[in-house]
């Protein structure tokens, strides 16, 4: 065994830390390994000092083999690991318990901070179209009356379609209309990291105060709640979620999948996530993508020819964030050079951006059959010429859902419904869209239909 002095012992551990961060994650490394002290290397055992029992059990149960493998590689011989709790003169005092009625939390409790809202993520900057109208309407209703309707609101979509934008837009409106309201916006990853820190430092009361005594709780990327640290984080999230909902505080959650498709181990949590409104954001059509580009270019103070906007919108289909990134690159080129912006030049500028197509849609036949069963209106009558109210309303619902959930044009939808013209279909769609904003029963109806159809 090579002789290891106290100086080289420190050097071995300093060398090990960045390697361990790559394997256990930077958050775990910062939370549990940065505060450790190498104490000795005796026989084939590396002795590591940690500040408390929680850190000791966490590392032993979850990361012992990884640390041993890393040290074995560095010392070029098999290494075991012993973890000891060491006393520290610099331990933080526990945070005092605070009453929910207190208007100000103690300084220690304020350390579990939320993420600041992005000033660009407002409703004014959100381009509303068929692909996101339902989610936008639900988000606006929540922002106007937090905790009074649509609680929880669950928004889901693929990456880059506007979930975070809507969550933060809600936060902006609430803070403007209700300056006294406590609004927390946080990602699931940050929630778990704060939870780990709180458990490590015996400061769970501060952590729970921060998240359970708020007026609006906005949680992004909830799909990570089960994959980061498993049942511990799920359990804490579940109790926080329940506390807020039971006290009529608004909860808004964003995810890359609907609740029933999340890899959550606790069925109680999955069912609670579905008890409110579930709204999706779909990939925008080409007209909507052009509108997004126009709005973004206007915000950047750059005027671009329509043929340029059309080209970019056609090349980047499925991700608004990527679409905006490509536009920013074009705007930067315009600002930094004096060259004329040609289509060939734009083609070069955005060559590296994704052009993935959107996923397959639900069929109009499935939609009509579902609406028929839900609203007690036979399929052949719904598709036929009758115009009495008992038929018109189910037909309008089916038309709205067809426009929302399929790639069919208005003309194609009209042809399916007994050859109705484009304007009739558009009127039906707009009728339902308008009611979504003001009629809670319609919002629930459309929400339920969408959820059932997307689960097929």
Protein backbone atom coordinates (compact mmCIF):
# COMPACT_ATOMS: atom_id res chain seq x y z
CA UNK A 1 0.00 0.00 0.00
CA UNK A 2 1.41 3.42 -0.90
CA UNK A 3 2.05 5.78 2.02
CA UNK A 4 -0.55 8.54 2.16
CA UNK A 5 0.27 11.64 4.20
CA UNK A 6 -2.32 14.11 5.49
CA UNK A 7 -1.42 16.51 2.68
CA UNK A 8 -1.77 13.90 -0.07
CA UNK A 9 -4.96 12.61 1.62
CA UNK A 10 -6.53 16.02 1.08
CA UNK A 11 -5.27 16.05 -2.50
CA UNK A 12 -6.77 12.61 -3.20
CA UNK A 13 -10.16 13.79 -1.98
CA UNK A 14 -9.98 17.07 -3.91
CA UNK A 15 -9.24 15.06 -7.04
CA UNK A 16 -12.09 12.67 -6.31
CA UNK A 17 -14.78 15.33 -5.88
CA UNK A 18 -15.17 16.45 -9.53
CA UNK A 19 -15.17 12.82 -10.67
CA UNK A 20 -17.85 11.97 -8.12
CA UNK A 21 -19.93 14.97 -9.21
CA UNK A 22 -20.13 13.49 -12.71
CA UNK A 23 -21.47 10.22 -11.30
CA UNK A 24 -23.76 11.20 -8.43
CA UNK A 25 -24.84 14.60 -9.80
CA UNK A 26 -23.65 18.08 -8.97
CA UNK A 27 -26.53 18.72 -6.55
CA UNK A 28 -25.73 15.65 -4.44
CA UNK A 29 -22.04 16.47 -4.55
CA UNK A 30 -22.59 20.06 -3.39
CA UNK A 31 -25.07 19.00 -0.71
CA UNK A 32 -23.29 15.98 0.82
CA UNK A 33 -19.69 15.73 -0.36
CA UNK A 34 -18.39 19.32 -0.26
CA UNK A 35 -18.73 19.41 3.54
CA UNK A 36 -16.90 16.12 4.10
CA UNK A 37 -13.34 15.78 5.45
CA UNK A 38 -10.89 12.95 4.67
CA UNK A 39 -9.70 11.72 8.07
CA UNK A 40 -7.40 8.77 7.42
CA UNK A 41 -6.35 5.97 5.09
CA UNK A 42 -5.72 2.91 7.25
CA UNK A 43 -5.05 -0.53 5.81
CA UNK A 44 -7.33 -0.57 2.76
CA UNK A 45 -9.98 1.71 4.33
CA UNK A 46 -10.49 5.36 3.51
CA UNK A 47 -12.10 7.19 6.45
CA UNK A 48 -14.38 10.09 5.59
CA UNK A 49 -15.85 12.56 8.09
CA UNK A 50 -19.35 13.99 7.62
CA UNK A 51 -21.23 16.62 9.66
CA UNK A 52 -24.27 14.60 10.79
CA UNK A 53 -26.01 11.22 10.86
CA UNK A 54 -28.27 12.10 7.98
CA UNK A 55 -25.33 12.71 5.63
CA UNK A 56 -23.71 9.48 6.84
CA UNK A 57 -26.76 7.31 6.18
CA UNK A 58 -27.47 9.04 2.85
CA UNK A 59 -23.98 8.37 1.48
CA UNK A 60 -23.82 4.83 2.88
CA UNK A 61 -27.20 3.82 1.46
CA UNK A 62 -26.94 5.50 -1.94
CA UNK A 63 -23.38 6.24 -2.99
CA UNK A 64 -20.98 3.99 -1.07
CA UNK A 65 -20.02 1.80 -4.04
CA UNK A 66 -19.49 4.79 -6.34
CA UNK A 67 -17.15 6.50 -3.86
CA UNK A 68 -15.22 3.28 -3.29
CA UNK A 69 -14.79 2.73 -7.03
CA UNK A 70 -13.55 6.29 -7.52
CA UNK A 71 -11.00 6.02 -4.70
CA UNK A 72 -9.89 2.60 -5.95
CA UNK A 73 -9.14 4.11 -9.34
CA UNK A 74 -7.23 7.06 -7.87
CA UNK A 75 -5.16 4.98 -5.40
CA UNK A 76 -4.68 2.09 -7.81
CA UNK A 77 -5.71 -0.57 -5.28
CA UNK A 78 -8.97 -1.86 -3.74
CA UNK A 79 -10.34 0.66 -1.26
CA UNK A 80 -13.08 0.34 1.32
CA UNK A 81 -14.89 3.30 2.85
CA UNK A 82 -15.76 4.12 6.45
CA UNK A 83 -17.92 7.16 7.16
CA UNK A 84 -17.80 8.83 10.55
CA UNK A 85 -19.82 11.70 12.00
CA UNK A 86 -17.56 14.47 13.27
CA UNK A 87 -18.48 17.33 15.56
CA UNK A 88 -18.25 20.83 14.12
CA UNK A 89 -17.96 24.16 15.91
CA UNK A 90 -19.69 25.84 12.98
CA UNK A 91 -23.00 24.01 12.91
CA UNK A 92 -25.97 26.17 12.04
CA UNK A 93 -28.51 26.60 14.83
CA UNK A 94 -31.92 25.14 14.05
CA UNK A 95 -34.41 27.52 12.50
CA UNK A 96 -37.11 28.58 14.97
CA UNK A 97 -40.61 27.35 14.27
CA UNK A 98 -42.83 30.08 12.83
CA UNK A 99 -46.57 30.42 12.84
CA UNK A 100 -48.38 30.34 9.46
CA UNK A 101 -50.04 33.57 10.49
CA UNK A 102 -46.73 35.42 10.58
CA UNK A 103 -46.46 37.88 7.71
CA UNK A 104 -42.68 37.50 7.59
CA UNK A 105 -40.69 34.27 7.82
CA UNK A 106 -37.48 34.17 9.89
CA UNK A 107 -34.32 34.87 7.91
CA UNK A 108 -33.33 31.19 7.87
CA UNK A 109 -36.63 30.20 6.33
CA UNK A 110 -36.25 32.72 3.54
CA UNK A 111 -33.13 30.85 2.37
CA UNK A 112 -35.35 28.29 0.63
CA UNK A 113 -36.05 30.75 -2.14
CA UNK A 114 -38.14 30.43 -5.26
CA UNK A 115 -36.85 31.12 -8.76
CA UNK A 116 -37.41 34.74 -9.90
CA UNK A 117 -40.04 35.19 -12.60
CA UNK A 118 -38.76 36.00 -16.08
CA UNK A 119 -40.13 39.45 -17.07
CA UNK A 120 -40.56 38.24 -20.67
CA UNK A 121 -42.95 35.43 -19.70
CA UNK A 122 -46.24 37.35 -19.62
CA UNK A 123 -49.64 36.76 -21.17
CA UNK A 124 -49.05 39.75 -23.46
CA UNK A 125 -46.02 38.01 -24.95
CA UNK A 126 -47.78 34.66 -25.41
CA UNK A 127 -49.07 33.96 -28.93
CA UNK A 128 -52.51 32.36 -28.62
CA UNK A 129 -53.61 29.90 -31.31
CA UNK A 130 -55.62 26.71 -31.74
CA UNK A 131 -52.76 24.64 -30.35
CA UNK A 132 -52.74 26.37 -26.96
CA UNK A 133 -56.05 28.23 -26.60
CA UNK A 134 -57.49 25.87 -24.00
CA UNK A 135 -54.42 25.96 -21.75
CA UNK A 136 -54.16 29.74 -22.16
CA UNK A 137 -57.81 30.23 -21.17
CA UNK A 138 -57.42 28.01 -18.11
CA UNK A 139 -54.21 29.81 -17.07
CA UNK A 140 -55.88 33.22 -17.37
CA UNK A 141 -58.82 32.07 -15.28
CA UNK A 142 -56.45 30.81 -12.58
CA UNK A 143 -54.52 34.09 -12.65
CA UNK A 144 -57.75 36.09 -12.22
CA UNK A 145 -59.13 33.95 -9.39
CA UNK A 146 -56.31 31.94 -7.77
CA UNK A 147 -57.53 29.12 -5.54
CA UNK A 148 -61.18 29.55 -6.51
CA UNK A 149 -61.42 27.43 -9.67
CA UNK A 150 -59.41 24.92 -11.69
CA UNK A 151 -57.31 23.78 -8.75
CA UNK A 152 -54.92 22.19 -9.46
CA UNK A 153 -54.21 23.28 -13.02
CA UNK A 154 -51.98 20.72 -14.74
CA UNK A 155 -50.35 21.84 -18.01
CA UNK A 156 -48.44 19.35 -20.14
CA UNK A 157 -46.67 19.29 -23.50
CA UNK A 158 -43.46 18.32 -25.19
CA UNK A 159 -40.39 20.46 -24.51
CA UNK A 160 -40.40 24.07 -25.65
CA UNK A 161 -44.09 24.70 -26.32
CA UNK A 162 -44.83 27.27 -23.60
CA UNK A 163 -45.52 25.52 -20.28
CA UNK A 164 -43.01 27.58 -18.35
CA UNK A 165 -44.25 30.74 -20.07
CA UNK A 166 -47.83 30.14 -18.89
CA UNK A 167 -46.76 29.23 -15.33
CA UNK A 168 -44.78 32.41 -14.96
CA UNK A 169 -47.46 34.52 -16.67
CA UNK A 170 -49.84 33.37 -13.92
CA UNK A 171 -47.27 34.41 -11.33
CA UNK A 172 -46.89 37.87 -12.88
CA UNK A 173 -50.65 38.56 -12.89
CA UNK A 174 -51.13 37.38 -9.30
CA UNK A 175 -48.25 39.49 -8.00
CA UNK A 176 -49.56 42.54 -9.89
CA UNK A 177 -53.19 42.16 -8.78
CA UNK A 178 -52.42 40.89 -5.27
CA UNK A 179 -49.09 42.40 -4.11
CA UNK A 180 -49.51 40.83 -0.68
CA UNK A 181 -49.83 37.29 -2.09
CA UNK A 182 -47.02 34.79 -1.57
CA UNK A 183 -46.12 33.30 -4.97
CA UNK A 184 -43.52 30.54 -5.34
CA UNK A 185 -42.26 29.35 -8.72
CA UNK A 186 -39.87 26.39 -8.55
CA UNK A 187 -38.77 23.41 -10.63
CA UNK A 188 -39.19 19.89 -9.31
CA UNK A 189 -35.41 19.51 -9.32
CA UNK A 190 -34.95 22.60 -7.13
CA UNK A 191 -37.72 21.35 -4.83
CA UNK A 192 -35.88 18.07 -4.31
CA UNK A 193 -32.51 19.77 -3.85
CA UNK A 194 -34.00 22.05 -1.20
CA UNK A 195 -35.60 19.04 0.46
CA UNK A 196 -32.24 17.25 0.62
CA UNK A 197 -30.57 20.32 2.11
CA UNK A 198 -33.34 20.70 4.68
CA UNK A 199 -33.07 17.05 5.78
CA UNK A 200 -29.30 17.24 5.94
CA UNK A 201 -29.34 20.36 8.12
CA UNK A 202 -32.36 19.38 10.25
CA UNK A 203 -34.31 22.35 8.89
CA UNK A 204 -37.50 20.72 7.62
CA UNK A 205 -39.72 23.25 9.40
CA UNK A 206 -38.14 26.05 7.36
CA UNK A 207 -38.52 24.10 4.13
CA UNK A 208 -42.17 23.29 4.81
CA UNK A 209 -42.92 26.85 5.81
CA UNK A 210 -41.59 28.08 2.49
CA UNK A 211 -43.70 25.74 0.39
CA UNK A 212 -46.84 25.05 2.43
CA UNK A 213 -47.78 28.55 3.54
CA UNK A 214 -48.04 30.24 0.15
CA UNK A 215 -50.95 31.52 -1.91
CA UNK A 216 -49.84 30.29 -5.35
CA UNK A 217 -47.45 27.36 -5.89
CA UNK A 218 -46.09 27.03 -9.43
CA UNK A 219 -44.10 23.82 -10.00
CA UNK A 220 -42.28 23.17 -13.29
CA UNK A 221 -41.04 19.88 -14.78
CA UNK A 222 -42.85 17.66 -12.29
CA UNK A 223 -41.83 14.59 -14.33
CA UNK A 224 -38.50 14.69 -12.46
CA UNK A 225 -40.03 14.35 -9.00
CA UNK A 226 -39.85 10.55 -9.03
CA UNK A 227 -36.59 10.17 -10.93
CA UNK A 228 -34.36 12.40 -8.79
CA UNK A 229 -34.50 10.77 -5.36
CA UNK A 230 -37.56 8.52 -5.40
CA UNK A 231 -40.22 7.99 -2.71
CA UNK A 232 -38.89 10.51 -0.19
CA UNK A 233 -39.36 13.42 -2.56
CA UNK A 234 -42.71 12.06 -3.78
CA UNK A 235 -44.02 11.81 -0.23
CA UNK A 236 -42.98 15.35 0.69
CA UNK A 237 -44.41 16.70 -2.57
CA UNK A 238 -47.68 14.83 -1.95
CA UNK A 239 -48.14 16.31 1.53
CA UNK A 240 -47.24 19.81 0.33
CA UNK A 241 -49.68 19.47 -2.56
CA UNK A 242 -52.46 18.25 -0.23
CA UNK A 243 -51.88 21.00 2.32
CA UNK A 244 -52.19 23.71 -0.32
CA UNK A 245 -55.24 22.28 -2.06
CA UNK A 246 -57.07 21.64 1.21
CA UNK A 247 -56.52 25.26 2.25
CA UNK A 248 -57.74 26.54 -1.15
CA UNK A 249 -54.31 27.77 -2.25
CA UNK A 250 -53.67 27.66 -5.98
CA UNK A 251 -51.43 24.92 -7.37
CA UNK A 252 -50.25 24.97 -10.99
CA UNK A 253 -48.05 22.18 -12.30
CA UNK A 254 -46.24 21.71 -15.61
CA UNK A 255 -44.97 18.45 -17.03
CA UNK A 256 -43.86 16.81 -20.26
CA UNK A 257 -46.62 14.20 -19.91
CA UNK A 258 -50.19 13.97 -18.52
CA UNK A 259 -50.55 12.66 -14.93
CA UNK A 260 -51.45 9.11 -15.91
CA UNK A 261 -48.23 8.76 -17.93
CA UNK A 262 -45.86 10.03 -15.22
CA UNK A 263 -43.46 7.55 -13.64
CA UNK A 264 -44.86 8.18 -10.18
CA UNK A 265 -44.86 5.35 -7.64
CA UNK A 266 -47.62 6.78 -5.47
CA UNK A 267 -51.07 6.30 -7.04
CA UNK A 268 -52.53 8.78 -4.53
CA UNK A 269 -50.41 11.55 -6.02
CA UNK A 270 -51.30 10.63 -9.60
CA UNK A 271 -55.02 10.70 -8.85
CA UNK A 272 -54.76 14.04 -7.03
CA UNK A 273 -52.93 15.57 -9.99
CA UNK A 274 -55.90 14.61 -12.19
CA UNK A 275 -58.60 16.04 -9.92
CA UNK A 276 -58.43 19.54 -11.45
CA UNK A 277 -58.07 20.78 -15.01
CA UNK A 278 -55.57 19.01 -17.27
CA UNK A 279 -54.62 21.13 -20.28
CA UNK A 280 -52.18 20.36 -23.08
CA UNK A 281 -50.12 22.48 -25.45
CA UNK A 282 -49.75 21.05 -28.95
CA UNK A 283 -47.17 21.77 -31.61
CA UNK A 284 -48.15 25.03 -33.37
CA UNK A 285 -49.16 24.98 -37.02
CA UNK A 286 -47.17 26.96 -39.57
CA UNK A 287 -49.38 30.07 -39.32
CA UNK A 288 -48.91 30.17 -35.56
CA UNK A 289 -45.16 29.68 -35.91
CA UNK A 290 -45.02 32.66 -38.27
CA UNK A 291 -46.98 34.75 -35.73
CA UNK A 292 -44.54 33.75 -32.99
CA UNK A 293 -41.60 34.74 -35.16
CA UNK A 294 -43.19 38.09 -36.03
CA UNK A 295 -43.80 38.88 -32.36
CA UNK A 296 -40.28 37.87 -31.36
CA UNK A 297 -38.70 39.89 -34.18
CA UNK A 298 -40.77 42.91 -33.18
CA UNK A 299 -39.56 42.57 -29.59
CA UNK A 300 -35.97 42.49 -30.87
CA UNK A 301 -36.56 45.59 -33.00
CA UNK A 302 -35.85 43.78 -36.27
CA UNK A 303 -38.06 43.70 -39.36
CA UNK A 304 -37.76 40.54 -41.44
CA UNK A 305 -39.29 39.79 -44.88
CA UNK A 306 -42.30 37.47 -44.83
CA UNK A 307 -40.53 34.90 -47.02
CA UNK A 308 -37.81 34.61 -44.36
CA UNK A 309 -40.37 34.08 -41.60
CA UNK A 310 -42.25 31.52 -43.71
CA UNK A 311 -39.05 29.59 -44.40
CA UNK A 312 -38.00 29.44 -40.74
CA UNK A 313 -41.52 28.44 -39.66
CA UNK A 314 -41.58 25.59 -42.18
CA UNK A 315 -38.15 24.29 -41.20
CA UNK A 316 -38.67 24.26 -37.42
CA UNK A 317 -41.92 22.53 -36.57
CA UNK A 318 -42.13 21.12 -33.09
CA UNK A 319 -40.40 23.37 -30.56
CA UNK A 320 -41.19 27.03 -29.91
CA UNK A 321 -38.01 27.47 -27.88
CA UNK A 322 -35.89 26.26 -30.78
CA UNK A 323 -37.92 28.44 -33.13
CA UNK A 324 -37.18 31.51 -31.01
CA UNK A 325 -33.52 30.54 -30.72
CA UNK A 326 -33.22 30.40 -34.51
CA UNK A 327 -34.91 33.79 -34.80
CA UNK A 328 -32.53 35.33 -32.25
CA UNK A 329 -29.58 34.02 -34.24
CA UNK A 330 -30.97 35.64 -37.39
CA UNK A 331 -31.59 38.93 -35.53
CA UNK A 332 -28.02 38.86 -34.19
CA UNK A 333 -26.72 38.40 -37.73
CA UNK A 334 -28.78 41.37 -38.93
CA UNK A 335 -27.53 43.55 -36.07
CA UNK A 336 -23.85 42.61 -36.32
CA UNK A 337 -23.34 42.66 -40.09
CA UNK A 338 -24.16 44.98 -42.94
CA UNK A 339 -24.85 42.14 -45.36
CA UNK A 340 -28.21 41.73 -47.04
CA UNK A 341 -30.23 38.93 -45.44
CA UNK A 342 -31.03 36.41 -48.17
CA UNK A 343 -32.87 33.11 -48.04
CA UNK A 344 -29.63 31.25 -48.72
CA UNK A 345 -27.96 33.03 -45.81
CA UNK A 346 -30.88 32.18 -43.49
CA UNK A 347 -30.62 28.57 -44.59
CA UNK A 348 -27.00 28.54 -43.41
CA UNK A 349 -27.77 30.34 -40.15
CA UNK A 350 -30.45 27.88 -38.99
CA UNK A 351 -28.92 24.73 -40.48
CA UNK A 352 -28.17 23.27 -37.05
CA UNK A 353 -31.68 23.70 -35.64
CA UNK A 354 -34.11 20.84 -35.25
CA UNK A 355 -36.81 20.20 -37.85
CA UNK A 356 -38.52 17.25 -36.15
CA UNK A 357 -42.14 16.66 -37.07
CA UNK A 358 -44.95 16.49 -34.56
CA UNK A 359 -46.46 13.24 -33.40
CA UNK A 360 -49.47 11.47 -34.89
CA UNK A 361 -52.88 12.87 -33.99
CA UNK A 362 -56.11 11.30 -32.80
CA UNK A 363 -58.60 10.57 -35.62
CA UNK A 364 -61.80 12.52 -36.16
CA UNK A 365 -63.75 9.24 -36.07
CA UNK A 366 -62.51 8.60 -32.52
CA UNK A 367 -63.50 12.11 -31.49
CA UNK A 368 -67.03 11.89 -32.88
CA UNK A 369 -67.62 8.47 -31.33
CA UNK A 370 -66.48 9.74 -27.93
CA UNK A 371 -68.61 12.90 -28.08
CA UNK A 372 -71.56 10.79 -29.22
CA UNK A 373 -71.25 8.56 -26.16
CA UNK A 374 -70.64 11.44 -23.73
CA UNK A 375 -73.41 13.74 -25.00
CA UNK A 376 -75.98 11.13 -26.03
CA UNK A 377 -76.12 12.16 -29.68
CA UNK A 378 -75.88 9.40 -32.35
CA UNK A 379 -72.93 9.70 -34.73
CA UNK A 380 -75.04 9.68 -37.90
CA UNK A 381 -77.28 12.47 -36.59
CA UNK A 382 -74.28 14.54 -35.41
CA UNK A 383 -72.75 14.27 -38.87
CA UNK A 384 -76.06 14.88 -40.64
CA UNK A 385 -78.00 18.00 -41.67
CA UNK A 386 -80.16 18.52 -38.56
CA UNK A 387 -79.75 21.92 -36.87
CA UNK A 388 -81.75 21.67 -33.62
CA UNK A 389 -79.88 22.62 -30.43
CA UNK A 390 -79.72 19.03 -29.16
CA UNK A 391 -77.55 18.22 -32.19
CA UNK A 392 -75.77 21.52 -32.84
CA UNK A 393 -74.02 21.70 -29.49
CA UNK A 394 -72.49 18.18 -29.57
CA UNK A 395 -71.50 18.83 -33.18
CA UNK A 396 -69.75 22.07 -32.20
CA UNK A 397 -67.90 20.27 -29.39
CA UNK A 398 -66.78 17.56 -31.82
CA UNK A 399 -65.64 20.18 -34.36
CA UNK A 400 -63.66 22.02 -31.68
CA UNK A 401 -61.95 18.82 -30.57
CA UNK A 402 -61.21 17.82 -34.16
CA UNK A 403 -59.51 21.14 -34.77
CA UNK A 404 -57.57 20.86 -31.50
CA UNK A 405 -56.51 17.23 -31.67
CA UNK A 406 -56.04 16.50 -35.39
CA UNK A 407 -54.11 17.99 -38.29
CA UNK A 408 -57.27 18.38 -40.38
CA UNK A 409 -58.02 21.71 -42.03
CA UNK A 410 -61.33 23.51 -41.48
CA UNK A 411 -62.43 22.45 -44.96
CA UNK A 412 -61.63 18.79 -44.27
CA UNK A 413 -63.54 18.89 -40.99
CA UNK A 414 -66.52 20.49 -42.75
CA UNK A 415 -66.47 17.78 -45.40
CA UNK A 416 -66.63 15.13 -42.66
CA UNK A 417 -69.70 16.83 -41.18
CA UNK A 418 -72.04 16.52 -44.16
CA UNK A 419 -70.07 18.89 -46.40
CA UNK A 420 -70.39 21.99 -44.21
CA UNK A 421 -68.40 24.97 -45.46
CA UNK A 422 -65.30 26.52 -43.98
CA UNK A 423 -67.13 29.43 -42.31
CA UNK A 424 -69.62 27.15 -40.53
CA UNK A 425 -66.81 25.07 -39.06
CA UNK A 426 -64.92 28.18 -37.99
CA UNK A 427 -68.06 29.55 -36.31
CA UNK A 428 -68.48 26.29 -34.36
CA UNK A 429 -64.85 26.34 -33.27
CA UNK A 430 -64.99 29.98 -32.19
CA UNK A 431 -68.25 29.41 -30.30
CA UNK A 432 -66.65 26.75 -28.10
CA UNK A 433 -63.42 28.77 -27.75
CA UNK A 434 -65.33 31.79 -26.46
CA UNK A 435 -67.27 29.70 -23.95
CA UNK A 436 -64.07 28.17 -22.60
CA UNK A 437 -63.03 31.53 -21.15
CA UNK A 438 -66.27 32.23 -19.28
CA UNK A 439 -68.17 28.98 -18.79
CA UNK A 440 -66.63 26.59 -16.29
CA UNK A 441 -68.94 23.72 -17.31
CA UNK A 442 -67.68 23.94 -20.91
CA UNK A 443 -64.07 24.01 -19.75
CA UNK A 444 -64.60 20.86 -17.69
CA UNK A 445 -66.41 19.15 -20.57
CA UNK A 446 -63.61 19.83 -23.05
CA UNK A 447 -60.98 18.92 -20.45
CA UNK A 448 -62.61 15.54 -19.77
CA UNK A 449 -63.05 14.76 -23.46
CA UNK A 450 -59.42 15.61 -24.24
CA UNK A 451 -58.13 13.56 -21.36
CA UNK A 452 -60.15 10.50 -22.35
CA UNK A 453 -59.21 10.75 -26.03
CA UNK A 454 -55.50 11.23 -25.33
CA UNK A 455 -55.52 8.21 -23.04
CA UNK A 456 -56.77 5.88 -25.78
